[in-house]
Amino acid sequence: MKLVVFAMLAAILLSLGSGLYYLSRDDADSTKVLRALKIRVALSTLLILFLVVSYFLGWIEPRG
């Protein structure tokens, strides 16, 4: 479970880094920046949905 979450977070950070790279190297209207943003938003949404579904299925429990 933790491995999936860490892998998704790593992919989100890689997408963030690539978007920053394309923003600093190319012009600001580049489609590469937009694609990196779309990927980052999609991965973040998938991670949140995965965590919510995991909670409701009982795979994870809150601490405390």
PDB file of N, CA and C in Angstrom:
ATOM      1  N   MET A   1       0.828  -1.184   0.000  1.00  0.00           N
ATOM      2  CA  MET A   1       0.000   0.000   0.000  1.00  0.00           C
ATOM      3  C   MET A   1       0.882   1.261   0.000  1.00  0.00           C
ATOM      4  N   LYS A   2       1.869   1.268   0.883  1.00  0.00           N
ATOM      5  CA  LYS A   2       2.748   2.436   0.959  1.00  0.00           C
ATOM      6  C   LYS A   2       3.540   2.604  -0.325  1.00  0.00           C
ATOM      7  N   LEU A   3       3.907   1.499  -0.939  1.00  0.00           N
ATOM      8  CA  LEU A   3       4.681   1.556  -2.177  1.00  0.00           C
ATOM      9  C   LEU A   3       3.882   2.230  -3.297  1.00  0.00           C
ATOM     10  N   VAL A   4       2.595   1.939  -3.365  1.00  0.00           N
ATOM     11  CA  VAL A   4       1.741   2.559  -4.387  1.00  0.00           C
ATOM     12  C   VAL A   4       1.660   4.058  -4.161  1.00  0.00           C
ATOM     13  N   VAL A   5       1.478   4.466  -2.923  1.00  0.00           N
ATOM     14  CA  VAL A   5       1.363   5.892  -2.601  1.00  0.00           C
ATOM     15  C   VAL A   5       2.676   6.612  -2.892  1.00  0.00           C
ATOM     16  N   PHE A   6       3.790   6.006  -2.496  1.00  0.00           N
ATOM     17  CA  PHE A   6       5.091   6.631  -2.759  1.00  0.00           C
ATOM     18  C   PHE A   6       5.387   6.704  -4.251  1.00  0.00           C
ATOM     19  N   ALA A   7       5.001   5.685  -4.994  1.00  0.00           N
ATOM     20  CA  ALA A   7       5.210   5.698  -6.447  1.00  0.00           C
ATOM     21  C   ALA A   7       4.382   6.796  -7.107  1.00  0.00           C
ATOM     22  N   MET A   8       3.147   6.958  -6.658  1.00  0.00           N
ATOM     23  CA  MET A   8       2.297   8.028  -7.215  1.00  0.00           C
ATOM     24  C   MET A   8       2.855   9.406  -6.862  1.00  0.00           C
ATOM     25  N   LEU A   9       3.321   9.568  -5.631  1.00  0.00           N
ATOM     26  CA  LEU A   9       3.911  10.843  -5.241  1.00  0.00           C
ATOM     27  C   LEU A   9       5.171  11.140  -6.043  1.00  0.00           C
ATOM     28  N   ALA A  10       5.970  10.116  -6.302  1.00  0.00           N
ATOM     29  CA  ALA A  10       7.175  10.299  -7.119  1.00  0.00           C
ATOM     30  C   ALA A  10       6.806  10.697  -8.546  1.00  0.00           C
ATOM     31  N   ALA A  11       5.781  10.069  -9.093  1.00  0.00           N
ATOM     32  CA  ALA A  11       5.339  10.422 -10.445  1.00  0.00           C
ATOM     33  C   ALA A  11       4.806  11.854 -10.498  1.00  0.00           C
ATOM     34  N   ILE A  12       4.118  12.277  -9.450  1.00  0.00           N
ATOM     35  CA  ILE A  12       3.617  13.651  -9.385  1.00  0.00           C
ATOM     36  C   ILE A  12       4.777  14.639  -9.333  1.00  0.00           C
ATOM     37  N   LEU A  13       5.785  14.315  -8.536  1.00  0.00           N
ATOM     38  CA  LEU A  13       6.953  15.192  -8.441  1.00  0.00           C
ATOM     39  C   LEU A  13       7.734  15.239  -9.756  1.00  0.00           C
ATOM     40  N   LEU A  14       7.830  14.107 -10.450  1.00  0.00           N
ATOM     41  CA  LEU A  14       8.491  14.099 -11.754  1.00  0.00           C
ATOM     42  C   LEU A  14       7.737  14.958 -12.764  1.00  0.00           C
ATOM     43  N   SER A  15       6.426  14.884 -12.729  1.00  0.00           N
ATOM     44  CA  SER A  15       5.623  15.716 -13.625  1.00  0.00           C
ATOM     45  C   SER A  15       5.783  17.192 -13.278  1.00  0.00           C
ATOM     46  N   LEU A  16       5.864  17.488 -12.001  1.00  0.00           N
ATOM     47  CA  LEU A  16       6.086  18.866 -11.567  1.00  0.00           C
ATOM     48  C   LEU A  16       7.445  19.365 -12.055  1.00  0.00           C
ATOM     49  N   GLY A  17       8.456  18.527 -11.924  1.00  0.00           N
ATOM     50  CA  GLY A  17       9.794  18.899 -12.373  1.00  0.00           C
ATOM     51  C   GLY A  17       9.865  19.095 -13.877  1.00  0.00           C
ATOM     52  N   SER A  18       9.210  18.218 -14.629  1.00  0.00           N
ATOM     53  CA  SER A  18       9.243  18.370 -16.083  1.00  0.00           C
ATOM     54  C   SER A  18       8.493  19.621 -16.520  1.00  0.00           C
ATOM     55  N   GLY A  19       7.403  19.931 -15.849  1.00  0.00           N
ATOM     56  CA  GLY A  19       6.679  21.170 -16.165  1.00  0.00           C
ATOM     57  C   GLY A  19       7.518  22.398 -15.878  1.00  0.00           C
ATOM     58  N   LEU A  20       8.250  22.367 -14.772  1.00  0.00           N
ATOM     59  CA  LEU A  20       9.130  23.478 -14.437  1.00  0.00           C
ATOM     60  C   LEU A  20      10.264  23.604 -15.446  1.00  0.00           C
ATOM     61  N   TYR A  21      10.794  22.473 -15.885  1.00  0.00           N
ATOM     62  CA  TYR A  21      11.864  22.479 -16.876  1.00  0.00           C
ATOM     63  C   TYR A  21      11.374  23.091 -18.197  1.00  0.00           C
ATOM     64  N   TYR A  22      10.221  22.627 -18.669  1.00  0.00           N
ATOM     65  CA  TYR A  22       9.700  23.154 -19.935  1.00  0.00           C
ATOM     66  C   TYR A  22       9.304  24.621 -19.813  1.00  0.00           C
ATOM     67  N   LEU A  23       8.852  25.019 -18.641  1.00  0.00           N
ATOM     68  CA  LEU A  23       8.487  26.419 -18.445  1.00  0.00           C
ATOM     69  C   LEU A  23       9.707  27.317 -18.471  1.00  0.00           C
ATOM     70  N   SER A  24      10.818  26.844 -17.928  1.00  0.00           N
ATOM     71  CA  SER A  24      12.022  27.670 -17.885  1.00  0.00           C
ATOM     72  C   SER A  24      12.804  27.620 -19.193  1.00  0.00           C
ATOM     73  N   ARG A  25      12.724  26.519 -19.955  1.00  0.00           N
ATOM     74  CA  ARG A  25      13.512  26.368 -21.180  1.00  0.00           C
ATOM     75  C   ARG A  25      12.774  26.861 -22.422  1.00  0.00           C
ATOM     76  N   ASP A  26      11.520  26.498 -22.546  1.00  0.00           N
ATOM     77  CA  ASP A  26      10.751  26.878 -23.735  1.00  0.00           C
ATOM     78  C   ASP A  26       9.929  28.117 -23.453  1.00  0.00           C
ATOM     79  N   ASP A  27       9.176  28.528 -24.444  1.00  0.00           N
ATOM     80  CA  ASP A  27       8.282  29.666 -24.222  1.00  0.00           C
ATOM     81  C   ASP A  27       7.143  29.240 -23.305  1.00  0.00           C
ATOM     82  N   ALA A  28       6.535  30.189 -22.663  1.00  0.00           N
ATOM     83  CA  ALA A  28       5.506  29.898 -21.658  1.00  0.00           C
ATOM     84  C   ALA A  28       4.225  29.346 -22.279  1.00  0.00           C
ATOM     85  N   ASP A  29       4.049  29.499 -23.573  1.00  0.00           N
ATOM     86  CA  ASP A  29       2.844  28.999 -24.228  1.00  0.00           C
ATOM     87  C   ASP A  29       3.015  27.591 -24.778  1.00  0.00           C
ATOM     88  N   SER A  30       4.032  26.909 -24.351  1.00  0.00           N
ATOM     89  CA  SER A  30       4.343  25.586 -24.877  1.00  0.00           C
ATOM     90  C   SER A  30       3.269  24.574 -24.479  1.00  0.00           C
ATOM     91  N   THR A  31       2.990  23.665 -25.396  1.00  0.00           N
ATOM     92  CA  THR A  31       2.028  22.600 -25.083  1.00  0.00           C
ATOM     93  C   THR A  31       2.627  21.577 -24.129  1.00  0.00           C
ATOM     94  N   LYS A  32       3.953  21.529 -24.033  1.00  0.00           N
ATOM     95  CA  LYS A  32       4.602  20.597 -23.109  1.00  0.00           C
ATOM     96  C   LYS A  32       4.301  20.964 -21.664  1.00  0.00           C
ATOM     97  N   VAL A  33       4.232  22.251 -21.375  1.00  0.00           N
ATOM     98  CA  VAL A  33       3.898  22.697 -20.020  1.00  0.00           C
ATOM     99  C   VAL A  33       2.462  22.310 -19.697  1.00  0.00           C
ATOM    100  N   LEU A  34       1.579  22.497 -20.648  1.00  0.00           N
ATOM    101  CA  LEU A  34       0.178  22.146 -20.439  1.00  0.00           C
ATOM    102  C   LEU A  34       0.014  20.641 -20.245  1.00  0.00           C
ATOM    103  N   ARG A  35       0.741  19.855 -21.019  1.00  0.00           N
ATOM    104  CA  ARG A  35       0.670  18.403 -20.885  1.00  0.00           C
ATOM    105  C   ARG A  35       1.176  17.955 -19.515  1.00  0.00           C
ATOM    106  N   ALA A  36       2.262  18.559 -19.039  1.00  0.00           N
ATOM    107  CA  ALA A  36       2.789  18.219 -17.712  1.00  0.00           C
ATOM    108  C   ALA A  36       1.781  18.578 -16.623  1.00  0.00           C
ATOM    109  N   LEU A  37       1.089  19.701 -16.787  1.00  0.00           N
ATOM    110  CA  LEU A  37       0.066  20.091 -15.815  1.00  0.00           C
ATOM    111  C   LEU A  37      -1.092  19.106 -15.826  1.00  0.00           C
ATOM    112  N   LYS A  38      -1.531  18.696 -17.007  1.00  0.00           N
ATOM    113  CA  LYS A  38      -2.623  17.726 -17.104  1.00  0.00           C
ATOM    114  C   LYS A  38      -2.252  16.405 -16.442  1.00  0.00           C
ATOM    115  N   ILE A  39      -1.032  15.959 -16.690  1.00  0.00           N
ATOM    116  CA  ILE A  39      -0.577  14.697 -16.086  1.00  0.00           C
ATOM    117  C   ILE A  39      -0.529  14.817 -14.572  1.00  0.00           C
ATOM    118  N   ARG A  40      -0.028  15.934 -14.078  1.00  0.00           N
ATOM    119  CA  ARG A  40       0.072  16.123 -12.625  1.00  0.00           C
ATOM    120  C   ARG A  40      -1.306  16.167 -11.981  1.00  0.00           C
ATOM    121  N   VAL A  41      -2.249  16.846 -12.598  1.00  0.00           N
ATOM    122  CA  VAL A  41      -3.607  16.916 -12.044  1.00  0.00           C
ATOM    123  C   VAL A  41      -4.265  15.534 -12.081  1.00  0.00           C
ATOM    124  N   ALA A  42      -4.076  14.806 -13.174  1.00  0.00           N
ATOM    125  CA  ALA A  42      -4.660  13.466 -13.277  1.00  0.00           C
ATOM    126  C   ALA A  42      -4.069  12.520 -12.238  1.00  0.00           C
ATOM    127  N   LEU A  43      -2.754  12.556 -12.061  1.00  0.00           N
ATOM    128  CA  LEU A  43      -2.119  11.697 -11.065  1.00  0.00           C
ATOM    129  C   LEU A  43      -2.561  12.054  -9.650  1.00  0.00           C
ATOM    130  N   SER A  44      -2.689  13.340  -9.373  1.00  0.00           N
ATOM    131  CA  SER A  44      -3.139  13.769  -8.038  1.00  0.00           C
ATOM    132  C   SER A  44      -4.569  13.310  -7.783  1.00  0.00           C
ATOM    133  N   THR A  45      -5.416  13.419  -8.793  1.00  0.00           N
ATOM    134  CA  THR A  45      -6.802  12.968  -8.657  1.00  0.00           C
ATOM    135  C   THR A  45      -6.863  11.465  -8.442  1.00  0.00           C
ATOM    136  N   LEU A  46      -6.066  10.733  -9.200  1.00  0.00           N
ATOM    137  CA  LEU A  46      -6.027   9.275  -9.021  1.00  0.00           C
ATOM    138  C   LEU A  46      -5.535   8.887  -7.630  1.00  0.00           C
ATOM    139  N   LEU A  47      -4.547   9.593  -7.122  1.00  0.00           N
ATOM    140  CA  LEU A  47      -4.037   9.296  -5.787  1.00  0.00           C
ATOM    141  C   LEU A  47      -5.102   9.551  -4.728  1.00  0.00           C
ATOM    142  N   ILE A  48      -5.800  10.653  -4.836  1.00  0.00           N
ATOM    143  CA  ILE A  48      -6.855  10.956  -3.856  1.00  0.00           C
ATOM    144  C   ILE A  48      -7.968   9.920  -3.932  1.00  0.00           C
ATOM    145  N   LEU A  49      -8.391   9.571  -5.148  1.00  0.00           N
ATOM    146  CA  LEU A  49      -9.430   8.548  -5.290  1.00  0.00           C
ATOM    147  C   LEU A  49      -8.971   7.202  -4.746  1.00  0.00           C
ATOM    148  N   PHE A  50      -7.720   6.848  -4.994  1.00  0.00           N
ATOM    149  CA  PHE A  50      -7.175   5.594  -4.469  1.00  0.00           C
ATOM    150  C   PHE A  50      -7.198   5.578  -2.944  1.00  0.00           C
ATOM    151  N   LEU A  51      -6.820   6.683  -2.328  1.00  0.00           N
ATOM    152  CA  LEU A  51      -6.805   6.743  -0.865  1.00  0.00           C
ATOM    153  C   LEU A  51      -8.222   6.689  -0.288  1.00  0.00           C
ATOM    154  N   VAL A  52      -9.170   7.346  -0.929  1.00  0.00           N
ATOM    155  CA  VAL A  52     -10.556   7.327  -0.441  1.00  0.00           C
ATOM    156  C   VAL A  52     -11.149   5.926  -0.580  1.00  0.00           C
ATOM    157  N   VAL A  53     -10.951   5.302  -1.723  1.00  0.00           N
ATOM    158  CA  VAL A  53     -11.468   3.948  -1.928  1.00  0.00           C
ATOM    159  C   VAL A  53     -10.798   2.975  -0.962  1.00  0.00           C
ATOM    160  N   SER A  54      -9.506   3.124  -0.757  1.00  0.00           N
ATOM    161  CA  SER A  54      -8.794   2.253   0.184  1.00  0.00           C
ATOM    162  C   SER A  54      -9.336   2.397   1.597  1.00  0.00           C
ATOM    163  N   TYR A  55      -9.672   3.615   1.976  1.00  0.00           N
ATOM    164  CA  TYR A  55     -10.236   3.838   3.313  1.00  0.00           C
ATOM    165  C   TYR A  55     -11.596   3.147   3.447  1.00  0.00           C
ATOM    166  N   PHE A  56     -12.455   3.319   2.444  1.00  0.00           N
ATOM    167  CA  PHE A  56     -13.790   2.739   2.538  1.00  0.00           C
ATOM    168  C   PHE A  56     -13.786   1.216   2.423  1.00  0.00           C
ATOM    169  N   LEU A  57     -12.784   0.657   1.767  1.00  0.00           N
ATOM    170  CA  LEU A  57     -12.678  -0.797   1.690  1.00  0.00           C
ATOM    171  C   LEU A  57     -11.965  -1.399   2.900  1.00  0.00           C
ATOM    172  N   GLY A  58     -11.452  -0.548   3.774  1.00  0.00           N
ATOM    173  CA  GLY A  58     -10.808  -1.023   4.986  1.00  0.00           C
ATOM    174  C   GLY A  58      -9.349  -1.392   4.812  1.00  0.00           C
ATOM    175  N   TRP A  59      -8.754  -1.029   3.680  1.00  0.00           N
ATOM    176  CA  TRP A  59      -7.339  -1.333   3.456  1.00  0.00           C
ATOM    177  C   TRP A  59      -6.447  -0.457   4.302  1.00  0.00           C
ATOM    178  N   ILE A  60      -6.897   0.756   4.586  1.00  0.00           N
ATOM    179  CA  ILE A  60      -6.129   1.668   5.444  1.00  0.00           C
ATOM    180  C   ILE A  60      -7.062   2.171   6.533  1.00  0.00           C
ATOM    181  N   GLU A  61      -6.477   2.519   7.661  1.00  0.00           N
ATOM    182  CA  GLU A  61      -7.248   3.037   8.778  1.00  0.00           C
ATOM    183  C   GLU A  61      -6.549   4.271   9.314  1.00  0.00           C
ATOM    184  N   PRO A  62      -7.301   5.234   9.822  1.00  0.00           N
ATOM    185  CA  PRO A  62      -6.663   6.422  10.391  1.00  0.00           C
ATOM    186  C   PRO A  62      -5.952   6.076  11.685  1.00  0.00           C
ATOM    187  N   ARG A  63      -4.867   6.766  11.931  1.00  0.00           N
ATOM    188  CA  ARG A  63      -4.127   6.565  13.189  1.00  0.00           C
ATOM    189  C   ARG A  63      -4.847   7.298  14.321  1.00  0.00           C
ATOM    190  N   GLY A  64      -4.702   6.760  15.486  1.00  0.00           N
ATOM    191  CA  GLY A  64      -5.231   7.482  16.629  1.00  0.00           C
ATOM    192  C   GLY A  64      -6.187   6.752  17.417  1.00  0.00           C
TER     193      GLY A  64
END
